[in-house]
């Protein structure tokens, strides 16, 4: 494990061998896991994950509303257009 400016990084081996410590660290801040020197995963608290999910959901909602304002076709109309495109290839 090493730290750099509040960033905690575990090697995959250390994460496996010190999983309890990794969980303890992840309660306070994200912990990155590296394999062969590359970051491949991140462990974070449930609270931090839920906050990210809330932000993601709000972003998706805003994008859907923007698409609707631009004249989004809707599910049924989109399906009809796609069906026509697919059948045009036959």
N, C-alpha and C. Protein backbone atom coordinates (compact mmCIF):
# COMPACT_ATOMS: atom_id res chain seq x y z
N UNK A 1 0.85 -1.18 0.00
CA UNK A 1 0.00 0.00 0.00
C UNK A 1 0.89 1.23 0.00
N UNK A 2 0.51 2.21 -0.80
CA UNK A 2 1.20 3.50 -0.71
C UNK A 2 0.18 4.63 -0.82
N UNK A 3 0.58 5.79 -0.32
CA UNK A 3 -0.31 6.95 -0.35
C UNK A 3 0.40 8.09 -1.05
N UNK A 4 -0.37 8.90 -1.71
CA UNK A 4 0.15 10.11 -2.35
C UNK A 4 -0.96 11.13 -2.36
N UNK A 5 -0.80 12.18 -1.62
CA UNK A 5 -1.78 13.25 -1.54
C UNK A 5 -3.20 12.72 -1.32
N UNK A 6 -3.39 12.06 -0.23
CA UNK A 6 -4.70 11.51 0.15
C UNK A 6 -5.21 10.42 -0.78
N UNK A 7 -4.39 9.93 -1.68
CA UNK A 7 -4.77 8.81 -2.53
C UNK A 7 -4.16 7.55 -1.94
N UNK A 8 -4.99 6.54 -1.76
CA UNK A 8 -4.50 5.27 -1.22
C UNK A 8 -4.52 4.26 -2.35
N UNK A 9 -3.43 3.54 -2.50
CA UNK A 9 -3.31 2.55 -3.57
C UNK A 9 -2.82 1.24 -2.96
N UNK A 10 -3.53 0.17 -3.24
CA UNK A 10 -3.12 -1.17 -2.84
C UNK A 10 -2.76 -1.94 -4.10
N UNK A 11 -1.74 -2.76 -4.03
CA UNK A 11 -1.54 -3.71 -5.12
C UNK A 11 -2.63 -4.77 -4.98
N UNK A 12 -2.89 -5.50 -6.04
CA UNK A 12 -3.91 -6.55 -5.97
C UNK A 12 -3.54 -7.57 -4.88
N UNK A 13 -2.28 -7.88 -4.77
CA UNK A 13 -1.83 -8.84 -3.74
C UNK A 13 -2.10 -8.28 -2.35
N UNK A 14 -1.73 -7.01 -2.12
CA UNK A 14 -1.98 -6.41 -0.80
C UNK A 14 -3.47 -6.32 -0.50
N UNK A 15 -4.27 -6.01 -1.51
CA UNK A 15 -5.72 -5.93 -1.33
C UNK A 15 -6.27 -7.28 -0.88
N UNK A 16 -5.76 -8.34 -1.49
CA UNK A 16 -6.20 -9.69 -1.14
C UNK A 16 -5.75 -10.06 0.27
N UNK A 17 -4.49 -9.78 0.56
CA UNK A 17 -3.93 -10.18 1.85
C UNK A 17 -4.35 -9.28 3.00
N UNK A 18 -4.78 -8.07 2.70
CA UNK A 18 -5.14 -7.10 3.75
C UNK A 18 -6.52 -6.52 3.49
N UNK A 19 -7.46 -7.39 3.14
CA UNK A 19 -8.78 -6.92 2.74
C UNK A 19 -9.46 -6.12 3.85
N UNK A 20 -9.33 -6.54 5.07
CA UNK A 20 -9.94 -5.81 6.18
C UNK A 20 -9.40 -4.39 6.28
N UNK A 21 -8.09 -4.23 6.11
CA UNK A 21 -7.49 -2.90 6.14
C UNK A 21 -7.97 -2.07 4.96
N UNK A 22 -8.10 -2.70 3.79
CA UNK A 22 -8.61 -2.00 2.61
C UNK A 22 -10.02 -1.47 2.89
N UNK A 23 -10.87 -2.30 3.49
CA UNK A 23 -12.23 -1.87 3.83
C UNK A 23 -12.20 -0.70 4.81
N UNK A 24 -11.33 -0.77 5.80
CA UNK A 24 -11.23 0.33 6.76
C UNK A 24 -10.83 1.63 6.07
N UNK A 25 -9.85 1.56 5.18
CA UNK A 25 -9.40 2.76 4.45
C UNK A 25 -10.50 3.30 3.56
N UNK A 26 -11.27 2.41 2.92
CA UNK A 26 -12.31 2.81 1.97
C UNK A 26 -13.48 3.51 2.65
N UNK A 27 -13.59 3.38 3.96
CA UNK A 27 -14.66 4.09 4.66
C UNK A 27 -14.44 5.60 4.62
N UNK A 28 -13.18 6.01 4.54
CA UNK A 28 -12.84 7.43 4.58
C UNK A 28 -12.61 8.06 3.22
N UNK A 29 -12.13 7.28 2.28
CA UNK A 29 -11.80 7.82 0.95
C UNK A 29 -11.65 6.66 -0.03
N UNK A 30 -11.75 6.94 -1.32
CA UNK A 30 -11.59 5.86 -2.31
C UNK A 30 -10.20 5.24 -2.23
N UNK A 31 -10.16 3.93 -2.43
CA UNK A 31 -8.90 3.18 -2.44
C UNK A 31 -8.77 2.53 -3.81
N UNK A 32 -7.67 2.82 -4.47
CA UNK A 32 -7.41 2.24 -5.78
C UNK A 32 -6.67 0.92 -5.63
N UNK A 33 -6.96 0.00 -6.54
CA UNK A 33 -6.27 -1.29 -6.57
C UNK A 33 -5.54 -1.38 -7.90
N UNK A 34 -4.26 -1.70 -7.82
CA UNK A 34 -3.42 -1.81 -9.01
C UNK A 34 -3.04 -3.26 -9.27
N UNK A 35 -2.97 -3.59 -10.54
CA UNK A 35 -2.46 -4.90 -10.96
C UNK A 35 -1.43 -4.63 -12.04
N UNK A 36 -0.24 -5.13 -11.84
CA UNK A 36 0.88 -4.89 -12.77
C UNK A 36 1.10 -3.40 -12.99
N UNK A 37 0.95 -2.62 -11.90
CA UNK A 37 1.22 -1.19 -11.99
C UNK A 37 0.12 -0.33 -12.59
N UNK A 38 -1.00 -0.95 -12.97
CA UNK A 38 -2.13 -0.20 -13.56
C UNK A 38 -3.32 -0.22 -12.62
N UNK A 39 -3.96 0.90 -12.44
CA UNK A 39 -5.16 0.94 -11.61
C UNK A 39 -6.29 0.22 -12.34
N UNK A 40 -6.85 -0.77 -11.67
CA UNK A 40 -7.89 -1.57 -12.31
C UNK A 40 -9.22 -1.54 -11.57
N UNK A 41 -9.21 -1.03 -10.34
CA UNK A 41 -10.45 -1.01 -9.56
C UNK A 41 -10.35 0.07 -8.49
N UNK A 42 -11.50 0.39 -7.94
CA UNK A 42 -11.54 1.34 -6.83
C UNK A 42 -12.57 0.84 -5.83
N UNK A 43 -12.23 0.93 -4.56
CA UNK A 43 -13.14 0.56 -3.48
C UNK A 43 -13.52 1.86 -2.78
N UNK A 44 -14.82 2.02 -2.51
CA UNK A 44 -15.27 3.23 -1.83
C UNK A 44 -16.37 2.87 -0.85
N UNK A 45 -16.68 3.81 0.02
CA UNK A 45 -17.73 3.58 1.00
C UNK A 45 -19.08 3.49 0.30
N UNK A 46 -20.02 2.86 0.96
CA UNK A 46 -21.37 2.77 0.41
C UNK A 46 -21.96 4.17 0.25
N UNK A 47 -21.71 5.04 1.21
CA UNK A 47 -22.22 6.41 1.15
C UNK A 47 -21.70 7.13 -0.10
N UNK A 48 -20.41 7.00 -0.39
CA UNK A 48 -19.83 7.63 -1.57
C UNK A 48 -20.43 7.05 -2.85
N UNK A 49 -20.62 5.73 -2.87
CA UNK A 49 -21.22 5.08 -4.04
C UNK A 49 -22.65 5.58 -4.26
N UNK A 50 -23.42 5.68 -3.19
CA UNK A 50 -24.80 6.15 -3.32
C UNK A 50 -24.85 7.59 -3.81
N UNK A 51 -23.89 8.42 -3.37
CA UNK A 51 -23.82 9.79 -3.86
C UNK A 51 -23.53 9.82 -5.36
N UNK A 52 -22.61 8.96 -5.81
CA UNK A 52 -22.32 8.88 -7.25
C UNK A 52 -23.53 8.42 -8.04
N UNK A 53 -24.26 7.46 -7.51
CA UNK A 53 -25.46 6.97 -8.18
C UNK A 53 -26.51 8.08 -8.29
N UNK A 54 -26.66 8.87 -7.25
CA UNK A 54 -27.62 9.97 -7.27
C UNK A 54 -27.24 10.99 -8.34
N UNK A 55 -25.96 11.32 -8.41
CA UNK A 55 -25.48 12.26 -9.43
C UNK A 55 -25.70 11.68 -10.83
N UNK A 56 -25.39 10.38 -11.01
CA UNK A 56 -25.57 9.74 -12.31
C UNK A 56 -27.03 9.75 -12.73
N UNK A 57 -27.91 9.42 -11.79
CA UNK A 57 -29.35 9.41 -12.10
C UNK A 57 -29.85 10.80 -12.48
N UNK A 58 -29.39 11.82 -11.76
CA UNK A 58 -29.79 13.20 -12.07
C UNK A 58 -29.29 13.59 -13.46
N UNK A 59 -28.07 13.18 -13.79
CA UNK A 59 -27.51 13.47 -15.10
C UNK A 59 -28.32 12.79 -16.20
N UNK A 60 -28.65 11.52 -16.01
CA UNK A 60 -29.45 10.80 -17.01
C UNK A 60 -30.83 11.43 -17.18
N UNK A 61 -31.44 11.85 -16.07
CA UNK A 61 -32.74 12.51 -16.13
C UNK A 61 -32.64 13.81 -16.92
N UNK A 62 -31.60 14.60 -16.63
CA UNK A 62 -31.42 15.88 -17.34
C UNK A 62 -31.21 15.63 -18.83
N UNK A 63 -30.45 14.61 -19.17
CA UNK A 63 -30.23 14.29 -20.59
C UNK A 63 -31.52 13.85 -21.26
N UNK A 64 -32.33 13.08 -20.55
CA UNK A 64 -33.61 12.63 -21.11
C UNK A 64 -34.54 13.82 -21.34
N UNK A 65 -34.57 14.74 -20.39
CA UNK A 65 -35.42 15.93 -20.53
C UNK A 65 -34.93 16.79 -21.70
N UNK A 66 -33.62 16.93 -21.86
CA UNK A 66 -33.07 17.70 -22.98
C UNK A 66 -33.42 17.04 -24.31
N UNK A 67 -33.35 15.72 -24.36
CA UNK A 67 -33.70 14.99 -25.58
C UNK A 67 -35.18 15.18 -25.91
N UNK A 68 -36.00 15.16 -24.88
CA UNK A 68 -37.43 15.36 -25.07
C UNK A 68 -37.72 16.74 -25.65
N UNK A 69 -37.02 17.75 -25.15
CA UNK A 69 -37.20 19.12 -25.65
C UNK A 69 -36.73 19.26 -27.10
N UNK A 70 -35.74 18.45 -27.48
CA UNK A 70 -35.24 18.50 -28.86
C UNK A 70 -36.13 17.74 -29.83
N UNK A 71 -37.16 17.09 -29.30
CA UNK A 71 -38.07 16.39 -30.19
C UNK A 71 -37.84 14.89 -30.23
N UNK A 72 -37.42 14.33 -29.14
CA UNK A 72 -37.25 12.89 -29.02
C UNK A 72 -38.52 12.19 -29.50
N UNK A 73 -38.35 11.14 -30.25
CA UNK A 73 -39.49 10.47 -30.86
C UNK A 73 -40.35 9.70 -29.87
N UNK A 74 -39.79 9.22 -28.82
CA UNK A 74 -40.51 8.37 -27.89
C UNK A 74 -40.24 6.91 -28.22
N UNK A 75 -40.55 6.05 -27.29
CA UNK A 75 -40.21 4.64 -27.43
C UNK A 75 -40.94 3.98 -28.60
N UNK A 76 -42.25 4.17 -28.71
CA UNK A 76 -43.02 3.51 -29.77
C UNK A 76 -42.61 3.99 -31.16
N UNK A 77 -42.46 5.29 -31.30
CA UNK A 77 -42.07 5.84 -32.60
C UNK A 77 -40.65 5.41 -32.97
N UNK A 78 -39.74 5.41 -31.98
CA UNK A 78 -38.36 4.98 -32.24
C UNK A 78 -38.33 3.52 -32.69
N UNK A 79 -39.14 2.69 -32.05
CA UNK A 79 -39.20 1.27 -32.42
C UNK A 79 -39.71 1.12 -33.85
N UNK A 80 -40.69 1.91 -34.22
CA UNK A 80 -41.23 1.85 -35.58
C UNK A 80 -40.18 2.26 -36.61
N UNK A 81 -39.44 3.33 -36.33
CA UNK A 81 -38.39 3.78 -37.24
C UNK A 81 -37.31 2.71 -37.38
N UNK A 82 -36.87 2.14 -36.25
CA UNK A 82 -35.84 1.09 -36.31
C UNK A 82 -36.35 -0.13 -37.07
N UNK A 83 -37.59 -0.50 -36.86
CA UNK A 83 -38.16 -1.66 -37.56
C UNK A 83 -38.13 -1.39 -39.07
N UNK A 84 -38.52 -0.18 -39.50
CA UNK A 84 -38.51 0.16 -40.92
C UNK A 84 -37.08 0.11 -41.48
N UNK A 85 -36.11 0.59 -40.72
CA UNK A 85 -34.73 0.57 -41.18
C UNK A 85 -34.25 -0.86 -41.33
N UNK A 86 -34.56 -1.70 -40.36
CA UNK A 86 -34.12 -3.11 -40.40
C UNK A 86 -34.79 -3.87 -41.55
N UNK A 87 -36.05 -3.60 -41.79
CA UNK A 87 -36.76 -4.29 -42.87
C UNK A 87 -36.34 -3.77 -44.24
N UNK A 88 -35.84 -2.56 -44.30
CA UNK A 88 -35.37 -2.00 -45.57
C UNK A 88 -34.17 -2.77 -46.09
N UNK A 89 -33.44 -3.40 -45.17
CA UNK A 89 -32.25 -4.18 -45.57
C UNK A 89 -32.62 -5.53 -46.19
N UNK A 90 -33.83 -6.01 -45.89
CA UNK A 90 -34.24 -7.34 -46.39
C UNK A 90 -34.45 -7.37 -47.87
